[in-house]
Amino acid sequence: ETKGSELTKKAFELLSQEPSIHFI
């Protein structure tokens, strides 16, 4: 979860919180 650039770290956080998708 902690890997990546600032872009991917923030995107990971947003995707994790999105209820309409099954984020793995």
PDB file of all heavy atoms in Angstrom:
ATOM      1  N   GLU A   1       0.815  -1.216   0.000  1.00  0.00           N
ATOM      2  CA  GLU A   1       0.000   0.000   0.000  1.00  0.00           C
ATOM      3  C   GLU A   1       0.848   1.265   0.000  1.00  0.00           C
ATOM      4  O   GLU A   1       0.450   2.296  -0.540  1.00  0.00           O
ATOM      5  CB  GLU A   1      -0.926  -0.017   1.222  1.00  0.00           C
ATOM      6  CG  GLU A   1      -1.860   1.167   1.322  1.00  0.00           C
ATOM      7  CD  GLU A   1      -2.799   1.053   2.511  1.00  0.00           C
ATOM      8  OE1 GLU A   1      -2.952  -0.060   3.050  1.00  0.00           O
ATOM      9  OE2 GLU A   1      -3.389   2.081   2.897  1.00  0.00           O
ATOM     10  N   THR A   2       2.030   1.211   0.602  1.00  0.00           N
ATOM     11  CA  THR A   2       2.887   2.385   0.740  1.00  0.00           C
ATOM     12  C   THR A   2       3.785   2.619  -0.468  1.00  0.00           C
ATOM     13  O   THR A   2       4.527   3.601  -0.516  1.00  0.00           O
ATOM     14  CB  THR A   2       3.774   2.236   1.980  1.00  0.00           C
ATOM     15  OG1 THR A   2       4.514   0.998   1.894  1.00  0.00           O
ATOM     16  CG2 THR A   2       2.935   2.203   3.252  1.00  0.00           C
ATOM     17  N   LYS A   3       3.747   1.754  -1.464  1.00  0.00           N
ATOM     18  CA  LYS A   3       4.616   1.873  -2.631  1.00  0.00           C
ATOM     19  C   LYS A   3       4.129   2.960  -3.590  1.00  0.00           C
ATOM     20  O   LYS A   3       2.958   3.326  -3.599  1.00  0.00           O
ATOM     21  CB  LYS A   3       4.655   0.542  -3.393  1.00  0.00           C
ATOM     22  CG  LYS A   3       5.523  -0.526  -2.740  1.00  0.00           C
ATOM     23  CD  LYS A   3       6.979  -0.311  -3.097  1.00  0.00           C
ATOM     24  CE  LYS A   3       7.821  -1.499  -2.656  1.00  0.00           C
ATOM     25  NZ  LYS A   3       9.220  -1.370  -3.089  1.00  0.00           N
ATOM     26  N   GLY A   4       5.066   3.440  -4.414  1.00  0.00           N
ATOM     27  CA  GLY A   4       4.686   4.275  -5.532  1.00  0.00           C
ATOM     28  C   GLY A   4       4.969   5.749  -5.366  1.00  0.00           C
ATOM     29  O   GLY A   4       5.567   6.209  -4.391  1.00  0.00           O
ATOM     30  N   SER A   5       4.521   6.515  -6.364  1.00  0.00           N
ATOM     31  CA  SER A   5       4.673   7.968  -6.390  1.00  0.00           C
ATOM     32  C   SER A   5       3.557   8.623  -5.594  1.00  0.00           C
ATOM     33  O   SER A   5       2.638   7.949  -5.098  1.00  0.00           O
ATOM     34  CB  SER A   5       4.626   8.451  -7.838  1.00  0.00           C
ATOM     35  OG  SER A   5       3.354   8.138  -8.403  1.00  0.00           O
ATOM     36  N   GLU A   6       3.611   9.930  -5.493  1.00  0.00           N
ATOM     37  CA  GLU A   6       2.532  10.652  -4.815  1.00  0.00           C
ATOM     38  C   GLU A   6       1.200  10.432  -5.536  1.00  0.00           C
ATOM     39  O   GLU A   6       0.147  10.337  -4.912  1.00  0.00           O
ATOM     40  CB  GLU A   6       2.857  12.152  -4.744  1.00  0.00           C
ATOM     41  CG  GLU A   6       4.001  12.483  -3.793  1.00  0.00           C
ATOM     42  CD  GLU A   6       3.737  11.985  -2.380  1.00  0.00           C
ATOM     43  OE1 GLU A   6       2.623  12.230  -1.855  1.00  0.00           O
ATOM     44  OE2 GLU A   6       4.624  11.335  -1.806  1.00  0.00           O
ATOM     45  N   LEU A   7       1.278  10.333  -6.864  1.00  0.00           N
ATOM     46  CA  LEU A   7       0.068  10.086  -7.651  1.00  0.00           C
ATOM     47  C   LEU A   7      -0.572   8.758  -7.276  1.00  0.00           C
ATOM     48  O   LEU A   7      -1.774   8.692  -6.988  1.00  0.00           O
ATOM     49  CB  LEU A   7       0.411  10.086  -9.146  1.00  0.00           C
ATOM     50  CG  LEU A   7      -0.701   9.616 -10.099  1.00  0.00           C
ATOM     51  CD1 LEU A   7      -1.884  10.569 -10.063  1.00  0.00           C
ATOM     52  CD2 LEU A   7      -0.166   9.477 -11.523  1.00  0.00           C
ATOM     53  N   THR A   8       0.215   7.682  -7.273  1.00  0.00           N
ATOM     54  CA  THR A   8      -0.358   6.363  -7.010  1.00  0.00           C
ATOM     55  C   THR A   8      -0.759   6.183  -5.544  1.00  0.00           C
ATOM     56  O   THR A   8      -1.735   5.499  -5.250  1.00  0.00           O
ATOM     57  CB  THR A   8       0.620   5.252  -7.425  1.00  0.00           C
ATOM     58  OG1 THR A   8       1.886   5.446  -6.763  1.00  0.00           O
ATOM     59  CG2 THR A   8       0.845   5.254  -8.931  1.00  0.00           C
ATOM     60  N   LYS A   9      -0.031   6.809  -4.635  1.00  0.00           N
ATOM     61  CA  LYS A   9      -0.398   6.704  -3.211  1.00  0.00           C
ATOM     62  C   LYS A   9      -1.759   7.353  -2.948  1.00  0.00           C
ATOM     63  O   LYS A   9      -2.604   6.795  -2.238  1.00  0.00           O
ATOM     64  CB  LYS A   9       0.674   7.363  -2.342  1.00  0.00           C
ATOM     65  CG  LYS A   9       1.979   6.580  -2.251  1.00  0.00           C
ATOM     66  CD  LYS A   9       3.003   7.338  -1.432  1.00  0.00           C
ATOM     67  CE  LYS A   9       4.343   6.601  -1.402  1.00  0.00           C
ATOM     68  NZ  LYS A   9       5.375   7.373  -0.671  1.00  0.00           N
ATOM     69  N   LYS A  10      -1.950   8.523  -3.528  1.00  0.00           N
ATOM     70  CA  LYS A  10      -3.226   9.210  -3.337  1.00  0.00           C
ATOM     71  C   LYS A  10      -4.340   8.470  -4.079  1.00  0.00           C
ATOM     72  O   LYS A  10      -5.470   8.346  -3.567  1.00  0.00           O
ATOM     73  CB  LYS A  10      -3.118  10.654  -3.842  1.00  0.00           C
ATOM     74  CG  LYS A  10      -4.395  11.464  -3.705  1.00  0.00           C
ATOM     75  CD  LYS A  10      -4.839  11.593  -2.246  1.00  0.00           C
ATOM     76  CE  LYS A  10      -6.081  12.462  -2.144  1.00  0.00           C
ATOM     77  NZ  LYS A  10      -6.601  12.530  -0.748  1.00  0.00           N
ATOM     78  N   ALA A  11      -4.029   7.962  -5.294  1.00  0.00           N
ATOM     79  CA  ALA A  11      -5.023   7.208  -6.057  1.00  0.00           C
ATOM     80  C   ALA A  11      -5.426   5.950  -5.304  1.00  0.00           C
ATOM     81  O   ALA A  11      -6.608   5.571  -5.302  1.00  0.00           O
ATOM     82  CB  ALA A  11      -4.472   6.852  -7.438  1.00  0.00           C
ATOM     83  N   PHE A  12      -4.459   5.292  -4.675  1.00  0.00           N
ATOM     84  CA  PHE A  12      -4.747   4.097  -3.880  1.00  0.00           C
ATOM     85  C   PHE A  12      -5.756   4.433  -2.782  1.00  0.00           C
ATOM     86  O   PHE A  12      -6.717   3.690  -2.558  1.00  0.00           O
ATOM     87  CB  PHE A  12      -3.456   3.555  -3.262  1.00  0.00           C
ATOM     88  CG  PHE A  12      -3.620   2.254  -2.524  1.00  0.00           C
ATOM     89  CD1 PHE A  12      -3.251   1.059  -3.120  1.00  0.00           C
ATOM     90  CD2 PHE A  12      -4.145   2.212  -1.233  1.00  0.00           C
ATOM     91  CE1 PHE A  12      -3.399  -0.149  -2.452  1.00  0.00           C
ATOM     92  CE2 PHE A  12      -4.314   1.013  -0.560  1.00  0.00           C
ATOM     93  CZ  PHE A  12      -3.937  -0.174  -1.173  1.00  0.00           C
ATOM     94  N   GLU A  13      -5.533   5.553  -2.106  1.00  0.00           N
ATOM     95  CA  GLU A  13      -6.431   5.966  -1.024  1.00  0.00           C
ATOM     96  C   GLU A  13      -7.846   6.203  -1.548  1.00  0.00           C
ATOM     97  O   GLU A  13      -8.838   5.750  -0.945  1.00  0.00           O
ATOM     98  CB  GLU A  13      -5.885   7.250  -0.387  1.00  0.00           C
ATOM     99  CG  GLU A  13      -6.723   7.786   0.760  1.00  0.00           C
ATOM    100  CD  GLU A  13      -6.168   9.083   1.314  1.00  0.00           C
ATOM    101  OE1 GLU A  13      -4.992   9.404   1.047  1.00  0.00           O
ATOM    102  OE2 GLU A  13      -6.922   9.789   2.014  1.00  0.00           O
ATOM    103  N   LEU A  14      -7.961   6.900  -2.678  1.00  0.00           N
ATOM    104  CA  LEU A  14      -9.271   7.203  -3.247  1.00  0.00           C
ATOM    105  C   LEU A  14      -9.984   5.940  -3.721  1.00  0.00           C
ATOM    106  O   LEU A  14     -11.188   5.768  -3.485  1.00  0.00           O
ATOM    107  CB  LEU A  14      -9.123   8.184  -4.410  1.00  0.00           C
ATOM    108  CG  LEU A  14      -8.630   9.596  -4.063  1.00  0.00           C
ATOM    109  CD1 LEU A  14      -8.431  10.411  -5.336  1.00  0.00           C
ATOM    110  CD2 LEU A  14      -9.613  10.299  -3.133  1.00  0.00           C
ATOM    111  N   LEU A  15      -9.255   5.064  -4.393  1.00  0.00           N
ATOM    112  CA  LEU A  15      -9.844   3.827  -4.893  1.00  0.00           C
ATOM    113  C   LEU A  15     -10.303   2.929  -3.742  1.00  0.00           C
ATOM    114  O   LEU A  15     -11.342   2.259  -3.834  1.00  0.00           O
ATOM    115  CB  LEU A  15      -8.836   3.083  -5.765  1.00  0.00           C
ATOM    116  CG  LEU A  15      -8.557   3.712  -7.140  1.00  0.00           C
ATOM    117  CD1 LEU A  15      -7.250   3.170  -7.717  1.00  0.00           C
ATOM    118  CD2 LEU A  15      -9.700   3.444  -8.102  1.00  0.00           C
ATOM    119  N   SER A  16      -9.549   2.914  -2.657  1.00  0.00           N
ATOM    120  CA  SER A  16      -9.891   2.094  -1.483  1.00  0.00           C
ATOM    121  C   SER A  16     -11.192   2.543  -0.836  1.00  0.00           C
ATOM    122  O   SER A  16     -11.905   1.737  -0.233  1.00  0.00           O
ATOM    123  CB  SER A  16      -8.762   2.161  -0.443  1.00  0.00           C
ATOM    124  OG  SER A  16      -7.553   1.676  -0.957  1.00  0.00           O
ATOM    125  N   GLN A  17     -11.506   3.819  -0.975  1.00  0.00           N
ATOM    126  CA  GLN A  17     -12.688   4.380  -0.329  1.00  0.00           C
ATOM    127  C   GLN A  17     -13.922   4.418  -1.229  1.00  0.00           C
ATOM    128  O   GLN A  17     -15.000   4.820  -0.789  1.00  0.00           O
ATOM    129  CB  GLN A  17     -12.370   5.804   0.151  1.00  0.00           C
ATOM    130  CG  GLN A  17     -11.280   5.873   1.201  1.00  0.00           C
ATOM    131  CD  GLN A  17     -10.836   7.297   1.486  1.00  0.00           C
ATOM    132  OE1 GLN A  17     -11.305   8.244   0.862  1.00  0.00           O
ATOM    133  NE2 GLN A  17      -9.919   7.449   2.435  1.00  0.00           N
ATOM    134  N   GLU A  18     -13.761   3.986  -2.497  1.00  0.00           N
ATOM    135  CA  GLU A  18     -14.874   4.047  -3.441  1.00  0.00           C
ATOM    136  C   GLU A  18     -15.782   2.828  -3.282  1.00  0.00           C
ATOM    137  O   GLU A  18     -15.383   1.699  -3.550  1.00  0.00           O
ATOM    138  CB  GLU A  18     -14.335   4.126  -4.878  1.00  0.00           C
ATOM    139  CG  GLU A  18     -15.400   4.056  -5.956  1.00  0.00           C
ATOM    140  CD  GLU A  18     -16.482   5.120  -5.789  1.00  0.00           C
ATOM    141  OE1 GLU A  18     -16.147   6.302  -5.544  1.00  0.00           O
ATOM    142  OE2 GLU A  18     -17.672   4.751  -5.902  1.00  0.00           O
ATOM    143  N   PRO A  19     -17.032   3.025  -2.837  1.00  0.00           N
ATOM    144  CA  PRO A  19     -17.923   1.887  -2.556  1.00  0.00           C
ATOM    145  C   PRO A  19     -18.467   1.174  -3.794  1.00  0.00           C
ATOM    146  O   PRO A  19     -18.938   0.043  -3.697  1.00  0.00           O
ATOM    147  CB  PRO A  19     -19.060   2.527  -1.759  1.00  0.00           C
ATOM    148  CG  PRO A  19     -19.093   3.951  -2.223  1.00  0.00           C
ATOM    149  CD  PRO A  19     -17.663   4.312  -2.503  1.00  0.00           C
ATOM    150  N   SER A  20     -18.421   1.827  -4.968  1.00  0.00           N
ATOM    151  CA  SER A  20     -19.042   1.245  -6.154  1.00  0.00           C
ATOM    152  C   SER A  20     -18.159   0.247  -6.887  1.00  0.00           C
ATOM    153  O   SER A  20     -18.599  -0.373  -7.857  1.00  0.00           O
ATOM    154  CB  SER A  20     -19.461   2.356  -7.128  1.00  0.00           C
ATOM    155  OG  SER A  20     -18.328   2.984  -7.701  1.00  0.00           O
ATOM    156  N   ILE A  21     -16.905   0.081  -6.436  1.00  0.00           N
ATOM    157  CA  ILE A  21     -15.988  -0.837  -7.116  1.00  0.00           C
ATOM    158  C   ILE A  21     -15.384  -1.841  -6.135  1.00  0.00           C
ATOM    159  O   ILE A  21     -15.377  -1.621  -4.925  1.00  0.00           O
ATOM    160  CB  ILE A  21     -14.848  -0.080  -7.838  1.00  0.00           C
ATOM    161  CG1 ILE A  21     -13.966   0.662  -6.822  1.00  0.00           C
ATOM    162  CG2 ILE A  21     -15.404   0.883  -8.875  1.00  0.00           C
ATOM    163  CD1 ILE A  21     -12.721   1.292  -7.448  1.00  0.00           C
ATOM    164  N   HIS A  22     -14.887  -2.943  -6.679  1.00  0.00           N
ATOM    165  CA  HIS A  22     -14.196  -3.967  -5.891  1.00  0.00           C
ATOM    166  C   HIS A  22     -12.695  -3.781  -6.086  1.00  0.00           C
ATOM    167  O   HIS A  22     -12.094  -4.391  -6.975  1.00  0.00           O
ATOM    168  CB  HIS A  22     -14.642  -5.351  -6.350  1.00  0.00           C
ATOM    169  CG  HIS A  22     -13.933  -6.478  -5.668  1.00  0.00           C
ATOM    170  ND1 HIS A  22     -13.805  -7.732  -6.236  1.00  0.00           N
ATOM    171  CD2 HIS A  22     -13.296  -6.535  -4.472  1.00  0.00           C
ATOM    172  CE1 HIS A  22     -13.125  -8.507  -5.420  1.00  0.00           C
ATOM    173  NE2 HIS A  22     -12.804  -7.798  -4.350  1.00  0.00           N
ATOM    174  N   PHE A  23     -12.109  -2.911  -5.261  1.00  0.00           N
ATOM    175  CA  PHE A  23     -10.686  -2.587  -5.393  1.00  0.00           C
ATOM    176  C   PHE A  23      -9.844  -3.609  -4.645  1.00  0.00           C
ATOM    177  O   PHE A  23     -10.064  -3.861  -3.457  1.00  0.00           O
ATOM    178  CB  PHE A  23     -10.424  -1.181  -4.848  1.00  0.00           C
ATOM    179  CG  PHE A  23      -8.990  -0.740  -4.976  1.00  0.00           C
ATOM    180  CD1 PHE A  23      -8.379  -0.674  -6.219  1.00  0.00           C
ATOM    181  CD2 PHE A  23      -8.263  -0.385  -3.846  1.00  0.00           C
ATOM    182  CE1 PHE A  23      -7.056  -0.268  -6.345  1.00  0.00           C
ATOM    183  CE2 PHE A  23      -6.948   0.030  -3.949  1.00  0.00           C
ATOM    184  CZ  PHE A  23      -6.332   0.094  -5.212  1.00  0.00           C
ATOM    185  N   ILE A  24      -8.862  -4.205  -5.339  1.00  0.00           N
ATOM    186  CA  ILE A  24      -8.037  -5.258  -4.730  1.00  0.00           C
ATOM    187  C   ILE A  24      -6.610  -4.799  -4.432  1.00  0.00           C
ATOM    188  O   ILE A  24      -5.795  -5.587  -3.969  1.00  0.00           O
ATOM    189  CB  ILE A  24      -7.995  -6.516  -5.621  1.00  0.00           C
ATOM    190  CG1 ILE A  24      -7.358  -6.202  -6.986  1.00  0.00           C
ATOM    191  CG2 ILE A  24      -9.389  -7.096  -5.788  1.00  0.00           C
ATOM    192  CD1 ILE A  24      -7.095  -7.445  -7.821  1.00  0.00           C
TER     193      ILE A  24
END
